[in-house]
Amino acid sequence: MEENAGLRGLIDTGKGNLQWERDIPPASLANLESLAAKDFKGNLGKIIHDIYQTAHVMFGDMPQGDHKKRAKYRFASKTIMRILPTPHKTEIEKLIEGKKITMDLYEILGKCTWVEPK
């Protein structure tokens, strides 16, 4: 390491910029939040489409395969939780904390759209 002492500064500088997840572009987030606020269930198809369209652009630099597919799916799950209207969000968070469901996109959507028979 002594022969490459110049790399130490480069490594230390790079450590501060390390990010495990990608941030959603502010314009996309604002669009999704406005769709969810207007009529969440009515706009659900458009919301899901826009989430995956944003993910496709965000993860466009990754090669095709399972890693990219999982990254987009994880992004969609976290984004839907972020934009859920308050009544749905509190219910879903309680179910996740109680380990009744996971942070899975389809489980979250199922709980938000399914109506229990009376």
Protein backbone atom coordinates (compact mmCIF):
# COMPACT_ATOMS: atom_id res chain seq x y z
CA MET A 1 0.00 0.00 0.00
CA GLU A 2 2.96 2.31 0.64
CA GLU A 3 3.88 2.31 -3.04
CA ASN A 4 0.36 3.53 -3.93
CA ALA A 5 -0.01 6.12 -1.17
CA GLY A 6 -1.98 8.41 -3.51
CA LEU A 7 -4.82 5.90 -3.55
CA ARG A 8 -5.50 6.33 0.19
CA GLY A 9 -6.93 9.84 -0.30
CA LEU A 10 -8.96 8.67 -3.28
CA ILE A 11 -10.43 5.80 -1.23
CA ASP A 12 -11.27 8.02 1.73
CA THR A 13 -12.96 10.58 -0.54
CA GLY A 14 -15.02 7.92 -2.29
CA LYS A 15 -16.29 6.40 0.96
CA GLY A 16 -18.39 9.50 1.66
CA ASN A 17 -20.27 9.17 -1.63
CA LEU A 18 -21.24 5.52 -1.23
CA GLN A 19 -24.97 4.92 -1.75
CA TRP A 20 -26.71 1.57 -1.45
CA GLU A 21 -29.92 2.70 -3.11
CA ARG A 22 -30.80 5.13 -5.85
CA ASP A 23 -32.95 8.16 -5.21
CA ILE A 24 -36.14 8.67 -7.18
CA PRO A 25 -36.05 11.81 -9.34
CA PRO A 26 -38.02 14.62 -7.61
CA ALA A 27 -40.27 15.22 -10.65
CA SER A 28 -41.27 11.55 -10.78
CA LEU A 29 -41.93 11.46 -7.05
CA ALA A 30 -44.09 14.61 -7.24
CA ASN A 31 -46.09 13.12 -10.13
CA LEU A 32 -46.67 9.86 -8.24
CA GLU A 33 -47.64 11.67 -5.04
CA SER A 34 -50.16 13.82 -6.90
CA LEU A 35 -51.70 10.76 -8.60
CA ALA A 36 -51.97 8.98 -5.24
CA ALA A 37 -53.46 12.03 -3.52
CA LYS A 38 -56.17 12.56 -6.17
CA ASP A 39 -57.60 9.04 -6.36
CA PHE A 40 -55.28 6.24 -5.28
CA LYS A 41 -57.42 3.28 -6.36
CA GLY A 42 -58.63 4.99 -9.52
CA ASN A 43 -55.09 5.90 -10.58
CA LEU A 44 -53.45 2.66 -9.40
CA GLY A 45 -52.76 1.35 -12.91
CA LYS A 46 -51.10 4.62 -13.92
CA ILE A 47 -49.17 4.75 -10.63
CA ILE A 48 -47.74 1.25 -11.13
CA HIS A 49 -46.94 2.00 -14.77
CA ASP A 50 -45.15 5.23 -13.83
CA ILE A 51 -43.20 3.53 -11.01
CA TYR A 52 -41.90 0.86 -13.37
CA GLN A 53 -41.20 3.41 -16.11
CA THR A 54 -39.13 5.45 -13.64
CA ALA A 55 -37.34 2.28 -12.48
CA HIS A 56 -36.59 1.35 -16.09
CA VAL A 57 -34.88 4.70 -16.62
CA MET A 58 -33.12 4.70 -13.24
CA PHE A 59 -31.68 1.21 -13.62
CA GLY A 60 -30.99 1.50 -17.34
CA ASP A 61 -27.24 1.27 -16.75
CA MET A 62 -27.51 -2.22 -15.24
CA PRO A 63 -27.18 -5.30 -17.45
CA GLN A 64 -30.30 -7.41 -18.01
CA GLY A 65 -30.80 -10.19 -15.50
CA ASP A 66 -31.99 -11.09 -12.04
CA HIS A 67 -30.11 -8.27 -10.28
CA LYS A 68 -31.83 -5.62 -12.39
CA LYS A 69 -35.21 -7.30 -12.04
CA ARG A 70 -34.88 -7.47 -8.23
CA ALA A 71 -33.64 -3.88 -8.02
CA LYS A 72 -36.64 -2.61 -9.98
CA TYR A 73 -39.06 -4.70 -7.92
CA ARG A 74 -37.53 -3.54 -4.62
CA PHE A 75 -37.67 0.07 -5.87
CA ALA A 76 -41.36 -0.37 -6.78
CA SER A 77 -42.17 -1.81 -3.34
CA LYS A 78 -40.46 1.00 -1.48
CA THR A 79 -41.92 3.68 -3.73
CA ILE A 80 -45.50 2.44 -3.35
CA MET A 81 -45.04 2.51 0.45
CA ARG A 82 -43.71 6.04 0.20
CA ILE A 83 -46.73 7.37 -1.71
CA LEU A 84 -49.53 5.40 -0.02
CA PRO A 85 -52.34 7.56 1.37
CA THR A 86 -52.25 7.82 5.18
CA PRO A 87 -55.08 5.39 6.04
CA HIS A 88 -53.55 2.65 3.87
CA LYS A 89 -50.02 3.45 4.99
CA THR A 90 -50.74 3.08 8.72
CA GLU A 91 -52.58 -0.22 8.15
CA ILE A 92 -49.78 -1.64 5.96
CA GLU A 93 -47.05 -0.52 8.38
CA LYS A 94 -48.85 -2.27 11.26
CA LEU A 95 -49.14 -5.47 9.22
CA ILE A 96 -45.43 -5.34 8.29
CA GLU A 97 -44.40 -4.66 11.90
CA GLY A 98 -46.59 -7.54 13.06
CA LYS A 99 -44.92 -9.77 10.44
CA LYS A 100 -48.31 -10.56 8.87
CA ILE A 101 -47.03 -9.37 5.46
CA THR A 102 -43.64 -8.47 4.02
CA MET A 103 -42.48 -5.41 2.04
CA ASP A 104 -43.58 -7.21 -1.11
CA LEU A 105 -45.23 -5.08 -3.80
CA TYR A 106 -48.00 -7.58 -4.50
CA GLU A 107 -48.83 -8.07 -0.82
CA ILE A 108 -49.01 -4.31 -0.30
CA LEU A 109 -51.22 -3.83 -3.35
CA GLY A 110 -53.39 -6.76 -2.33
CA LYS A 111 -54.04 -5.30 1.11
CA CYS A 112 -54.81 -1.88 -0.39
CA THR A 113 -57.26 -3.13 -2.99
CA TRP A 114 -58.86 -6.21 -1.44
CA VAL A 115 -62.12 -5.70 0.43
CA GLU A 116 -62.84 -8.24 3.15
CA PRO A 117 -66.18 -10.01 2.63
CA LYS A 118 -68.70 -9.27 5.37
